[in-house]
Each structure stands twice: as C-alpha cells, then as structure tokens.
Amino acid sequence: MTPARTAFTLFAGSAYDPAAGGGAVAWQRPGGVALLLQHGNEATALPGSHPALGGARIAWRDGDRITTADVATLRDRQPHAAPGASVLAVSETALAWRTRDAAGTDRVWLATPAAPRLVLESRAPAELGRPAFGGNLLLCHTAGPSGSSLLGVDLTTGAQHVMRADPGAQITNPASDGRRLLYVHATGETQQLRIGPLAAGDPDADTVLLVHHSAGRRDTEHEPGRHRHRQGYPGRRRPKLPPRAAPGVVATLWSTALSAETAYVTRLRAARGRPRSADILSVPAAPAG
C-alpha cells in the first residue's frame, strides 16, 4: 500500500452525492437543488435532483420519473418511470436506481425496454448503497450486522462478484471510471479513500488517497500528565498516530465519484451545538495507466 495523504481540497460546501463523467461533475444540495459543472465553467442548476453521470450521459430524478439526457447540451431527454427511486446511476448504455420500501427493504433496479429488472435486494437491517457503473458491472455496497462488502453484478449474466471485503472494516460507496474502483474503507482508527483496479481483489493492495479521522473520537493513548513512550522504537521515534477528531465532532466519509484525475467524497458532519452539514472533498487520483 502506498503512503497516504491527509490533505484535501474542499470542492463544494453544503453539498453531497457527487457524480463525475464526460468531463463534468454534478452534485446534490440541500433543498433538492442539483448542480452541474462542466469544464470549469459556472455551475448550473439541473431540472431535477440526485444527478448521475456516465460517459456522455446525465440522469436526474423528478418524483417517480428519471430523465436521461446528453450531458453537454441537456437535450435528447428520455423519461423513465421509476416509482420510489432515490439514488441512481447511469452509463452510456444503462440506467439503475435504488428504492427502499416502508419495511426497510432495499432494491436496485435496472432499466430495460420492457420493464425495470430487479438486480439486487436486501432486507433490513442490511442495506444497499448508491449504485454505480464500472464497465459491464453494476457496483453497490451491502452493509449490515454481519459486515459490509462491495458487490459487482455482471449486466450480461447477472453473476455477482465480491469486489472488496475486509472483516475488520466497513467498505462502502464504490465509484468507477471503468478501469479503477474507488471506495471508502473505515475502521475505528481511520476512514480512508482507497483506489485500485476494477477487479475482485484485496483492499490492502489498493492505494490510499486520503486518510481522515474515524467517525468516533479515539482516546489519546496515554494517561493525563504522561506521554507515549519512545523506548524500543528505531531512533526512539514513536510511530505517528492516526488523525483524531476534534471534541464533539462526528464526521463520516460517504458517497464517492471518480474522474480521470480527481476523486471526490462526501463528508457528513455533526458537531455539538451546530446543525448537521455535508460537503464534498476532492483529492488527486493518478490517471489510469
């Protein structure tokens, strides 16, 4: 695993659920407003919410309908009936969305010419995350009392593959550019944004793009009035501890997006005495070789 970074850029404040593709980035804002930024131009409001990008296509949700369109012009619009749709994913050739019923059952659907096709289903207390496309795979995380993993469903055969799993961590929120797999790897010590090949593999072999403090606040690992010992370490230099949250702050890395050179991740924040908030962070991601 390569050395990790702790530096990041605040890409968008008061924003969440980034999407990237076709040279554009889109995101959701509180109040149902979705924005689209193309090639560094001024961001424009979209006529719907929960945007998704894939290749030259964009999709957004308007009630129980999803509209797909050309990302460059927002024309050639095609409506799709999607009752109960929440978050969604789009590619050059496919459209998918997640629903959640009153009993807490999550389902991921794939648009077809005849009728939506059920791809994944998970009953409470387990849940499915936001779908994403990577090549011919539909990606999604599943999380519950028994742990979490990243799944890839072959759109041609329907075969399911575990793309990443780690018994000691929560692995969630995949995104892909068709060649690489981006996701969040979280433990009680840190939350990490990791990237690796779009293939089933060991998460410890992937590159860590960003290290963020854990959602909970760990202790200082020494008693008041004392210090961590140096004895036994090379050069008497004790190893650096993972980053530690500020008092009263809970921050969670969540949904992701990946462009050719940049990785994006939502950071959900709750601080004592302040309203909950969300923002989008960005870090460099080396172009796929």
C-alpha atoms as a PDB file:
ATOM      1  CA  MET A   1       0.000   0.000   0.000  1.00  0.00           C
ATOM      2  CA  THR A   2       1.333   3.451  -0.890  1.00  0.00           C
ATOM      3  CA  PRO A   3       1.837   6.220   1.696  1.00  0.00           C
ATOM      4  CA  ALA A   4      -1.413   8.037   2.464  1.00  0.00           C
ATOM      5  CA  ARG A   5      -2.303  11.687   2.227  1.00  0.00           C
ATOM      6  CA  THR A   6      -4.238  13.691   4.783  1.00  0.00           C
ATOM      7  CA  ALA A   7      -4.511  16.817   2.599  1.00  0.00           C
ATOM      8  CA  PHE A   8      -7.608  17.513   0.549  1.00  0.00           C
ATOM      9  CA  THR A   9      -9.423  20.335  -1.232  1.00  0.00           C
ATOM     10  CA  LEU A  10     -12.907  21.479  -0.275  1.00  0.00           C
ATOM     11  CA  PHE A  11     -14.618  21.080  -3.634  1.00  0.00           C
ATOM     12  CA  ALA A  12     -18.168  22.138  -2.686  1.00  0.00           C
ATOM     13  CA  GLY A  13     -19.722  23.260   0.574  1.00  0.00           C
ATOM     14  CA  SER A  14     -23.291  22.399   1.568  1.00  0.00           C
ATOM     15  CA  ALA A  15     -23.252  19.550  -0.964  1.00  0.00           C
ATOM     16  CA  TYR A  16     -23.321  15.768  -1.157  1.00  0.00           C
ATOM     17  CA  ASP A  17     -23.520  12.763  -3.511  1.00  0.00           C
ATOM     18  CA  PRO A  18     -21.000  13.804  -6.190  1.00  0.00           C
ATOM     19  CA  ALA A  19     -21.093  12.338  -9.698  1.00  0.00           C
ATOM     20  CA  ALA A  20     -18.407  12.561 -12.377  1.00  0.00           C
ATOM     21  CA  GLY A  21     -18.180  11.683 -16.058  1.00  0.00           C
ATOM     22  CA  GLY A  22     -17.878  13.156 -19.540  1.00  0.00           C
ATOM     23  CA  GLY A  23     -15.658  15.985 -18.287  1.00  0.00           C
ATOM     24  CA  ALA A  24     -18.382  17.146 -15.884  1.00  0.00           C
ATOM     25  CA  VAL A  25     -19.111  16.970 -12.163  1.00  0.00           C
ATOM     26  CA  ALA A  26     -22.559  17.151 -10.592  1.00  0.00           C
ATOM     27  CA  TRP A  27     -23.770  17.117  -7.013  1.00  0.00           C
ATOM     28  CA  GLN A  28     -26.820  17.465  -4.809  1.00  0.00           C
ATOM     29  CA  ARG A  29     -27.514  20.349  -2.445  1.00  0.00           C
ATOM     30  CA  PRO A  30     -29.929  20.510   0.493  1.00  0.00           C
ATOM     31  CA  GLY A  31     -33.412  21.582  -0.538  1.00  0.00           C
ATOM     32  CA  GLY A  32     -33.474  19.438  -3.664  1.00  0.00           C
ATOM     33  CA  VAL A  33     -31.222  21.600  -5.853  1.00  0.00           C
ATOM     34  CA  ALA A  34     -28.759  19.735  -8.091  1.00  0.00           C
ATOM     35  CA  LEU A  35     -25.857  21.466  -9.830  1.00  0.00           C
ATOM     36  CA  LEU A  36     -23.757  20.611 -12.880  1.00  0.00           C
ATOM     37  CA  LEU A  37     -20.236  21.923 -13.542  1.00  0.00           C
ATOM     38  CA  GLN A  38     -18.667  21.384 -16.967  1.00  0.00           C
ATOM     39  CA  HIS A  39     -15.011  22.063 -17.837  1.00  0.00           C
ATOM     40  CA  GLY A  40     -14.560  24.645 -15.083  1.00  0.00           C
ATOM     41  CA  ASN A  41     -17.488  26.810 -16.164  1.00  0.00           C
ATOM     42  CA  GLU A  42     -20.019  28.237 -13.729  1.00  0.00           C
ATOM     43  CA  ALA A  43     -22.256  25.572 -12.194  1.00  0.00           C
ATOM     44  CA  THR A  44     -25.837  25.487 -13.471  1.00  0.00           C
ATOM     45  CA  ALA A  45     -28.980  24.160 -11.787  1.00  0.00           C
ATOM     46  CA  LEU A  46     -30.491  20.952 -13.131  1.00  0.00           C
ATOM     47  CA  PRO A  47     -34.252  20.414 -13.600  1.00  0.00           C
ATOM     48  CA  GLY A  48     -34.287  17.585 -11.062  1.00  0.00           C
ATOM     49  CA  SER A  49     -32.421  16.033  -8.152  1.00  0.00           C
ATOM     50  CA  HIS A  50     -29.914  13.246  -7.366  1.00  0.00           C
ATOM     51  CA  PRO A  51     -27.816  13.613 -10.547  1.00  0.00           C
ATOM     52  CA  ALA A  52     -25.739  10.808 -12.027  1.00  0.00           C
ATOM     53  CA  LEU A  53     -23.132  10.964 -14.796  1.00  0.00           C
ATOM     54  CA  GLY A  54     -21.713   8.304 -17.077  1.00  0.00           C
ATOM     55  CA  GLY A  55     -19.837   8.844 -20.319  1.00  0.00           C
ATOM     56  CA  ALA A  56     -21.749  11.427 -22.356  1.00  0.00           C
ATOM     57  CA  ARG A  57     -24.989  10.923 -20.423  1.00  0.00           C
ATOM     58  CA  ILE A  58     -26.535  12.530 -17.377  1.00  0.00           C
ATOM     59  CA  ALA A  59     -29.582  11.467 -15.379  1.00  0.00           C
ATOM     60  CA  TRP A  60     -31.659  13.145 -12.715  1.00  0.00           C
ATOM     61  CA  ARG A  61     -34.772  12.320 -10.719  1.00  0.00           C
ATOM     62  CA  ASP A  62     -38.080  14.190 -10.741  1.00  0.00           C
ATOM     63  CA  GLY A  63     -40.534  12.463  -8.421  1.00  0.00           C
ATOM     64  CA  ASP A  64     -41.187   8.945  -9.706  1.00  0.00           C
ATOM     65  CA  ARG A  65     -39.557   9.677 -13.050  1.00  0.00           C
ATOM     66  CA  ILE A  66     -35.913   9.628 -14.102  1.00  0.00           C
ATOM     67  CA  THR A  67     -34.751  11.638 -17.096  1.00  0.00           C
ATOM     68  CA  THR A  68     -31.591  10.870 -19.057  1.00  0.00           C
ATOM     69  CA  ALA A  69     -30.037  13.382 -21.436  1.00  0.00           C
ATOM     70  CA  ASP A  70     -26.888  14.386 -23.281  1.00  0.00           C
ATOM     71  CA  VAL A  71     -24.562  15.884 -20.666  1.00  0.00           C
ATOM     72  CA  ALA A  72     -23.107  18.538 -22.971  1.00  0.00           C
ATOM     73  CA  THR A  73     -26.442  20.015 -24.062  1.00  0.00           C
ATOM     74  CA  LEU A  74     -29.003  18.587 -21.600  1.00  0.00           C
ATOM     75  CA  ARG A  75     -31.030  17.715 -24.711  1.00  0.00           C
ATOM     76  CA  ASP A  76     -32.232  14.416 -26.200  1.00  0.00           C
ATOM     77  CA  ARG A  77     -34.142  13.821 -22.984  1.00  0.00           C
ATOM     78  CA  GLN A  78     -35.639  10.407 -22.360  1.00  0.00           C
ATOM     79  CA  PRO A  79     -38.041   9.795 -19.437  1.00  0.00           C
ATOM     80  CA  HIS A  80     -38.098   6.531 -17.467  1.00  0.00           C
ATOM     81  CA  ALA A  81     -40.768   5.505 -14.970  1.00  0.00           C
ATOM     82  CA  ALA A  82     -39.093   4.691 -11.645  1.00  0.00           C
ATOM     83  CA  PRO A  83     -41.586   4.579  -8.753  1.00  0.00           C
ATOM     84  CA  GLY A  84     -39.909   5.120  -5.403  1.00  0.00           C
ATOM     85  CA  ALA A  85     -36.491   5.866  -6.894  1.00  0.00           C
ATOM     86  CA  SER A  86     -33.920   7.548  -4.680  1.00  0.00           C
ATOM     87  CA  VAL A  87     -30.242   7.476  -5.705  1.00  0.00           C
ATOM     88  CA  LEU A  88     -29.327   6.410  -9.247  1.00  0.00           C
ATOM     89  CA  ALA A  89     -26.542   5.578 -11.680  1.00  0.00           C
ATOM     90  CA  VAL A  90     -26.169   5.993 -15.430  1.00  0.00           C
ATOM     91  CA  SER A  91     -23.706   4.913 -18.119  1.00  0.00           C
ATOM     92  CA  GLU A  92     -23.610   5.175 -21.913  1.00  0.00           C
ATOM     93  CA  THR A  93     -25.880   2.132 -22.172  1.00  0.00           C
ATOM     94  CA  ALA A  94     -27.556   1.561 -18.796  1.00  0.00           C
ATOM     95  CA  LEU A  95     -29.613   3.189 -16.044  1.00  0.00           C
ATOM     96  CA  ALA A  96     -30.110   1.899 -12.491  1.00  0.00           C
ATOM     97  CA  TRP A  97     -31.698   3.162  -9.287  1.00  0.00           C
ATOM     98  CA  ARG A  98     -32.338   2.127  -5.703  1.00  0.00           C
ATOM     99  CA  THR A  99     -35.675   2.007  -3.887  1.00  0.00           C
ATOM    100  CA  ARG A 100     -36.427   1.489  -0.173  1.00  0.00           C
ATOM    101  CA  ASP A 101     -39.889   0.440   0.991  1.00  0.00           C
ATOM    102  CA  ALA A 102     -41.604   1.047   4.338  1.00  0.00           C
ATOM    103  CA  ALA A 103     -40.291  -2.252   5.725  1.00  0.00           C
ATOM    104  CA  GLY A 104     -36.700  -1.178   5.029  1.00  0.00           C
ATOM    105  CA  THR A 105     -36.106  -3.492   2.071  1.00  0.00           C
ATOM    106  CA  ASP A 106     -33.648  -2.050  -0.437  1.00  0.00           C
ATOM    107  CA  ARG A 107     -33.840  -2.967  -4.109  1.00  0.00           C
ATOM    108  CA  VAL A 108     -31.663  -1.953  -7.057  1.00  0.00           C
ATOM    109  CA  TRP A 109     -33.393  -1.876 -10.440  1.00  0.00           C
ATOM    110  CA  LEU A 110     -32.040  -1.813 -13.976  1.00  0.00           C
ATOM    111  CA  ALA A 111     -33.974  -0.079 -16.749  1.00  0.00           C
ATOM    112  CA  THR A 112     -34.927  -2.323 -19.688  1.00  0.00           C
ATOM    113  CA  PRO A 113     -37.142  -1.660 -22.745  1.00  0.00           C
ATOM    114  CA  ALA A 114     -39.924  -3.817 -21.314  1.00  0.00           C
ATOM    115  CA  ALA A 115     -39.943  -3.117 -17.561  1.00  0.00           C
ATOM    116  CA  PRO A 116     -37.413  -2.457 -14.796  1.00  0.00           C
ATOM    117  CA  ARG A 117     -35.440  -5.570 -13.847  1.00  0.00           C
ATOM    118  CA  LEU A 118     -34.657  -6.332 -10.199  1.00  0.00           C
ATOM    119  CA  VAL A 119     -30.893  -6.753  -9.791  1.00  0.00           C
ATOM    120  CA  LEU A 120     -30.289  -6.731  -6.018  1.00  0.00           C
ATOM    121  CA  GLU A 121     -32.471  -6.972  -2.936  1.00  0.00           C
ATOM    122  CA  SER A 122     -31.570  -6.618   0.743  1.00  0.00           C
ATOM    123  CA  ARG A 123     -33.918  -6.731   3.720  1.00  0.00           C
ATOM    124  CA  ALA A 124     -33.473  -4.669   6.900  1.00  0.00           C
ATOM    125  CA  PRO A 125     -31.329  -4.410   8.924  1.00  0.00           C
ATOM    126  CA  ALA A 126     -28.935  -4.891   5.976  1.00  0.00           C
ATOM    127  CA  GLU A 127     -28.913  -2.161   3.335  1.00  0.00           C
ATOM    128  CA  LEU A 128     -27.719  -1.418  -0.173  1.00  0.00           C
ATOM    129  CA  GLY A 129     -25.784   1.722  -1.032  1.00  0.00           C
ATOM    130  CA  ARG A 130     -25.916   4.030  -4.020  1.00  0.00           C
ATOM    131  CA  PRO A 131     -25.417   2.117  -7.292  1.00  0.00           C
ATOM    132  CA  ALA A 132     -22.616   2.899  -9.729  1.00  0.00           C
ATOM    133  CA  PHE A 133     -21.459   1.522 -13.069  1.00  0.00           C
ATOM    134  CA  GLY A 134     -17.984   0.277 -13.888  1.00  0.00           C
ATOM    135  CA  GLY A 135     -17.656  -1.144 -17.402  1.00  0.00           C
ATOM    136  CA  ASN A 136     -20.137  -4.012 -17.626  1.00  0.00           C
ATOM    137  CA  LEU A 137     -20.587  -4.175 -13.853  1.00  0.00           C
ATOM    138  CA  LEU A 138     -23.253  -2.657 -11.655  1.00  0.00           C
ATOM    139  CA  LEU A 139     -21.500  -1.754  -8.387  1.00  0.00           C
ATOM    140  CA  CYS A 140     -23.049  -1.346  -4.971  1.00  0.00           C
ATOM    141  CA  HIS A 141     -22.151  -1.859  -1.328  1.00  0.00           C
ATOM    142  CA  THR A 142     -24.103  -4.040   1.048  1.00  0.00           C
ATOM    143  CA  ALA A 143     -23.820  -3.416   4.787  1.00  0.00           C
ATOM    144  CA  GLY A 144     -25.429  -4.923   7.852  1.00  0.00           C
ATOM    145  CA  PRO A 145     -24.806  -6.568  11.236  1.00  0.00           C
ATOM    146  CA  SER A 146     -22.590  -9.227   9.644  1.00  0.00           C
ATOM    147  CA  GLY A 147     -20.319  -6.697   7.921  1.00  0.00           C
ATOM    148  CA  SER A 148     -20.032  -4.987   4.556  1.00  0.00           C
ATOM    149  CA  SER A 149     -18.625  -5.590   1.105  1.00  0.00           C
ATOM    150  CA  LEU A 150     -18.567  -4.170  -2.406  1.00  0.00           C
ATOM    151  CA  LEU A 151     -20.550  -6.152  -4.954  1.00  0.00           C
ATOM    152  CA  GLY A 152     -20.279  -6.191  -8.730  1.00  0.00           C
ATOM    153  CA  VAL A 153     -23.144  -7.595 -10.793  1.00  0.00           C
ATOM    154  CA  ASP A 154     -22.382  -8.596 -14.373  1.00  0.00           C
ATOM    155  CA  LEU A 155     -25.020  -6.885 -16.525  1.00  0.00           C
ATOM    156  CA  THR A 156     -24.893  -9.650 -19.134  1.00  0.00           C
ATOM    157  CA  THR A 157     -25.002 -12.788 -16.992  1.00  0.00           C
ATOM    158  CA  GLY A 158     -26.349 -11.477 -13.684  1.00  0.00           C
ATOM    159  CA  ALA A 159     -23.434 -13.137 -11.834  1.00  0.00           C
ATOM    160  CA  GLN A 160     -22.475 -11.454  -8.555  1.00  0.00           C
ATOM    161  CA  HIS A 161     -18.858 -10.891  -7.538  1.00  0.00           C
ATOM    162  CA  VAL A 162     -17.435  -9.651  -4.232  1.00  0.00           C
ATOM    163  CA  MET A 163     -15.091  -6.901  -5.395  1.00  0.00           C
ATOM    164  CA  ARG A 164     -13.716  -5.935  -1.957  1.00  0.00           C
ATOM    165  CA  ALA A 165     -14.277  -7.245   1.584  1.00  0.00           C
ATOM    166  CA  ASP A 166     -12.446  -6.844   4.901  1.00  0.00           C
ATOM    167  CA  PRO A 167     -13.718  -8.446   8.139  1.00  0.00           C
ATOM    168  CA  GLY A 168     -12.112  -5.664  10.187  1.00  0.00           C
ATOM    169  CA  ALA A 169     -13.565  -2.720   8.293  1.00  0.00           C
ATOM    170  CA  GLN A 170     -16.619  -1.173   6.702  1.00  0.00           C
ATOM    171  CA  ILE A 171     -16.152  -0.964   2.923  1.00  0.00           C
ATOM    172  CA  THR A 172     -18.729   1.233   1.221  1.00  0.00           C
ATOM    173  CA  ASN A 173     -19.673   3.661  -1.531  1.00  0.00           C
ATOM    174  CA  PRO A 174     -17.973   2.466  -4.726  1.00  0.00           C
ATOM    175  CA  ALA A 175     -17.384   4.585  -7.808  1.00  0.00           C
ATOM    176  CA  SER A 176     -15.558   3.754 -11.032  1.00  0.00           C
ATOM    177  CA  ASP A 177     -14.279   5.286 -14.240  1.00  0.00           C
ATOM    178  CA  GLY A 178     -14.493   1.920 -15.998  1.00  0.00           C
ATOM    179  CA  ARG A 179     -10.930   0.885 -15.111  1.00  0.00           C
ATOM    180  CA  ARG A 180     -10.459   1.786 -11.453  1.00  0.00           C
ATOM    181  CA  LEU A 181     -12.508   1.232  -8.303  1.00  0.00           C
ATOM    182  CA  LEU A 182     -12.825   3.966  -5.668  1.00  0.00           C
ATOM    183  CA  TYR A 183     -14.377   3.354  -2.241  1.00  0.00           C
ATOM    184  CA  VAL A 184     -14.356   4.212   1.470  1.00  0.00           C
ATOM    185  CA  HIS A 185     -12.545   1.897   3.908  1.00  0.00           C
ATOM    186  CA  ALA A 186     -13.404   2.698   7.548  1.00  0.00           C
ATOM    187  CA  THR A 187     -12.187   1.280  10.870  1.00  0.00           C
ATOM    188  CA  GLY A 188     -12.205   2.509  14.461  1.00  0.00           C
ATOM    189  CA  GLU A 189      -8.881   4.248  13.790  1.00  0.00           C
ATOM    190  CA  THR A 190      -9.315   5.962  10.424  1.00  0.00           C
ATOM    191  CA  GLN A 191     -11.512   6.448   7.392  1.00  0.00           C
ATOM    192  CA  GLN A 192      -9.667   6.081   4.107  1.00  0.00           C
ATOM    193  CA  LEU A 193     -10.468   6.815   0.500  1.00  0.00           C
ATOM    194  CA  ARG A 194      -8.887   3.964  -1.482  1.00  0.00           C
ATOM    195  CA  ILE A 195      -8.478   3.221  -5.167  1.00  0.00           C
ATOM    196  CA  GLY A 196      -7.487   0.082  -7.039  1.00  0.00           C
ATOM    197  CA  PRO A 197      -8.166  -1.955 -10.171  1.00  0.00           C
ATOM    198  CA  LEU A 198     -11.756  -2.639 -11.212  1.00  0.00           C
ATOM    199  CA  ALA A 199     -11.483  -6.341 -10.366  1.00  0.00           C
ATOM    200  CA  ALA A 200     -12.027  -8.506  -7.320  1.00  0.00           C
ATOM    201  CA  GLY A 201      -9.048  -8.057  -5.029  1.00  0.00           C
ATOM    202  CA  ASP A 202      -7.503  -7.435  -1.623  1.00  0.00           C
ATOM    203  CA  PRO A 203      -8.259  -3.950  -0.244  1.00  0.00           C
ATOM    204  CA  ASP A 204      -4.826  -3.875   1.419  1.00  0.00           C
ATOM    205  CA  ALA A 205      -3.252  -3.896  -2.055  1.00  0.00           C
ATOM    206  CA  ASP A 206      -5.044  -0.685  -3.065  1.00  0.00           C
ATOM    207  CA  THR A 207      -3.724   2.876  -2.938  1.00  0.00           C
ATOM    208  CA  VAL A 208      -4.834   5.131  -0.081  1.00  0.00           C
ATOM    209  CA  LEU A 209      -5.697   8.557  -1.492  1.00  0.00           C
ATOM    210  CA  LEU A 210      -6.908  10.175   1.711  1.00  0.00           C
ATOM    211  CA  VAL A 211      -6.767   9.436   5.448  1.00  0.00           C
ATOM    212  CA  HIS A 212      -9.437  11.070   7.604  1.00  0.00           C
ATOM    213  CA  HIS A 213     -10.045  10.658  11.308  1.00  0.00           C
ATOM    214  CA  SER A 214     -12.540   7.982  12.304  1.00  0.00           C
ATOM    215  CA  ALA A 215     -16.207   8.766  12.785  1.00  0.00           C
ATOM    216  CA  GLY A 216     -15.730   8.263  16.535  1.00  0.00           C
ATOM    217  CA  ARG A 217     -13.143  10.060  18.677  1.00  0.00           C
ATOM    218  CA  ARG A 218     -10.406   7.712  19.880  1.00  0.00           C
ATOM    219  CA  ASP A 219      -8.510   8.338  23.121  1.00  0.00           C
ATOM    220  CA  THR A 220      -5.038   9.897  23.334  1.00  0.00           C
ATOM    221  CA  GLU A 221      -3.386   6.525  24.100  1.00  0.00           C
ATOM    222  CA  HIS A 222      -1.725   7.878  27.240  1.00  0.00           C
ATOM    223  CA  GLU A 223      -2.882   8.922  30.709  1.00  0.00           C
ATOM    224  CA  PRO A 224      -3.238  12.597  31.684  1.00  0.00           C
ATOM    225  CA  GLY A 225       0.144  14.086  32.617  1.00  0.00           C
ATOM    226  CA  ARG A 226       2.049  11.326  30.819  1.00  0.00           C
ATOM    227  CA  HIS A 227       3.398  10.817  27.300  1.00  0.00           C
ATOM    228  CA  ARG A 228       3.637   7.909  24.903  1.00  0.00           C
ATOM    229  CA  HIS A 229       6.908   6.043  25.419  1.00  0.00           C
ATOM    230  CA  ARG A 230       9.771   6.080  22.906  1.00  0.00           C
ATOM    231  CA  GLN A 231      11.671   3.052  24.135  1.00  0.00           C
ATOM    232  CA  GLY A 232      12.114   0.247  21.624  1.00  0.00           C
ATOM    233  CA  TYR A 233      11.338   2.293  18.511  1.00  0.00           C
ATOM    234  CA  PRO A 234      14.109   2.910  15.905  1.00  0.00           C
ATOM    235  CA  GLY A 235      15.843   6.154  16.778  1.00  0.00           C
ATOM    236  CA  ARG A 236      13.458   6.426  19.743  1.00  0.00           C
ATOM    237  CA  ARG A 237      10.891   7.830  17.354  1.00  0.00           C
ATOM    238  CA  ARG A 238       7.439   6.591  18.185  1.00  0.00           C
ATOM    239  CA  PRO A 239       5.115   5.953  15.212  1.00  0.00           C
ATOM    240  CA  LYS A 240       2.690   8.662  14.254  1.00  0.00           C
ATOM    241  CA  LEU A 241      -0.858   8.074  15.454  1.00  0.00           C
ATOM    242  CA  PRO A 242      -3.873   8.276  13.135  1.00  0.00           C
ATOM    243  CA  PRO A 243      -5.646  11.659  12.966  1.00  0.00           C
ATOM    244  CA  ARG A 244      -8.005  12.401  15.855  1.00  0.00           C
ATOM    245  CA  ALA A 245     -11.387  14.111  15.665  1.00  0.00           C
ATOM    246  CA  ALA A 246     -11.990  17.413  17.428  1.00  0.00           C
ATOM    247  CA  PRO A 247     -14.115  17.221  20.582  1.00  0.00           C
ATOM    248  CA  GLY A 248     -17.815  16.948  19.828  1.00  0.00           C
ATOM    249  CA  VAL A 249     -17.331  16.392  16.083  1.00  0.00           C
ATOM    250  CA  VAL A 250     -18.513  13.311  14.198  1.00  0.00           C
ATOM    251  CA  ALA A 251     -17.511  13.224  10.521  1.00  0.00           C
ATOM    252  CA  THR A 252     -18.291  10.364   8.141  1.00  0.00           C
ATOM    253  CA  LEU A 253     -16.904   9.835   4.649  1.00  0.00           C
ATOM    254  CA  TRP A 254     -19.735   8.702   2.387  1.00  0.00           C
ATOM    255  CA  SER A 255     -20.645   8.753  -1.315  1.00  0.00           C
ATOM    256  CA  THR A 256     -17.864   8.977  -3.911  1.00  0.00           C
ATOM    257  CA  ALA A 257     -17.193   9.852  -7.549  1.00  0.00           C
ATOM    258  CA  LEU A 258     -14.184   9.393  -9.825  1.00  0.00           C
ATOM    259  CA  SER A 259     -13.000  11.342 -12.855  1.00  0.00           C
ATOM    260  CA  ALA A 260      -9.836  10.839 -14.889  1.00  0.00           C
ATOM    261  CA  GLU A 261      -7.640  12.781 -12.446  1.00  0.00           C
ATOM    262  CA  THR A 262      -9.739  13.500  -9.348  1.00  0.00           C
ATOM    263  CA  ALA A 263     -11.512  11.522  -6.636  1.00  0.00           C
ATOM    264  CA  TYR A 264     -14.469  13.050  -4.796  1.00  0.00           C
ATOM    265  CA  VAL A 265     -16.052  12.051  -1.493  1.00  0.00           C
ATOM    266  CA  THR A 266     -18.943  13.371   0.594  1.00  0.00           C
ATOM    267  CA  ARG A 267     -18.114  14.269   4.202  1.00  0.00           C
ATOM    268  CA  LEU A 268     -21.120  14.240   6.536  1.00  0.00           C
ATOM    269  CA  ARG A 269     -20.549  16.271   9.700  1.00  0.00           C
ATOM    270  CA  ALA A 270     -22.315  16.584  13.033  1.00  0.00           C
ATOM    271  CA  ALA A 271     -20.872  18.945  15.665  1.00  0.00           C
ATOM    272  CA  ARG A 272     -22.156  19.641  19.136  1.00  0.00           C
ATOM    273  CA  GLY A 273     -24.392  22.715  19.108  1.00  0.00           C
ATOM    274  CA  ARG A 274     -24.400  23.030  15.310  1.00  0.00           C
ATOM    275  CA  PRO A 275     -26.772  21.765  12.596  1.00  0.00           C
ATOM    276  CA  ARG A 276     -25.715  18.734  10.585  1.00  0.00           C
ATOM    277  CA  SER A 277     -23.891  19.550   7.361  1.00  0.00           C
ATOM    278  CA  ALA A 278     -22.292  17.942   4.326  1.00  0.00           C
ATOM    279  CA  ASP A 279     -19.552  18.952   1.948  1.00  0.00           C
ATOM    280  CA  ILE A 280     -17.589  17.363  -0.888  1.00  0.00           C
ATOM    281  CA  LEU A 281     -13.817  16.888  -0.683  1.00  0.00           C
ATOM    282  CA  SER A 282     -11.522  16.237  -3.625  1.00  0.00           C
ATOM    283  CA  VAL A 283      -8.056  14.669  -3.880  1.00  0.00           C
ATOM    284  CA  PRO A 284      -5.842  13.951  -6.887  1.00  0.00           C
ATOM    285  CA  ALA A 285      -6.168  10.485  -8.394  1.00  0.00           C
ATOM    286  CA  ALA A 286      -3.438   9.467 -10.813  1.00  0.00           C
ATOM    287  CA  PRO A 287      -4.839   8.758 -14.288  1.00  0.00           C
ATOM    288  CA  ALA A 288      -5.378   5.103 -15.118  1.00  0.00           C
ATOM    289  CA  GLY A 289      -2.400   3.572 -16.899  1.00  0.00           C
END
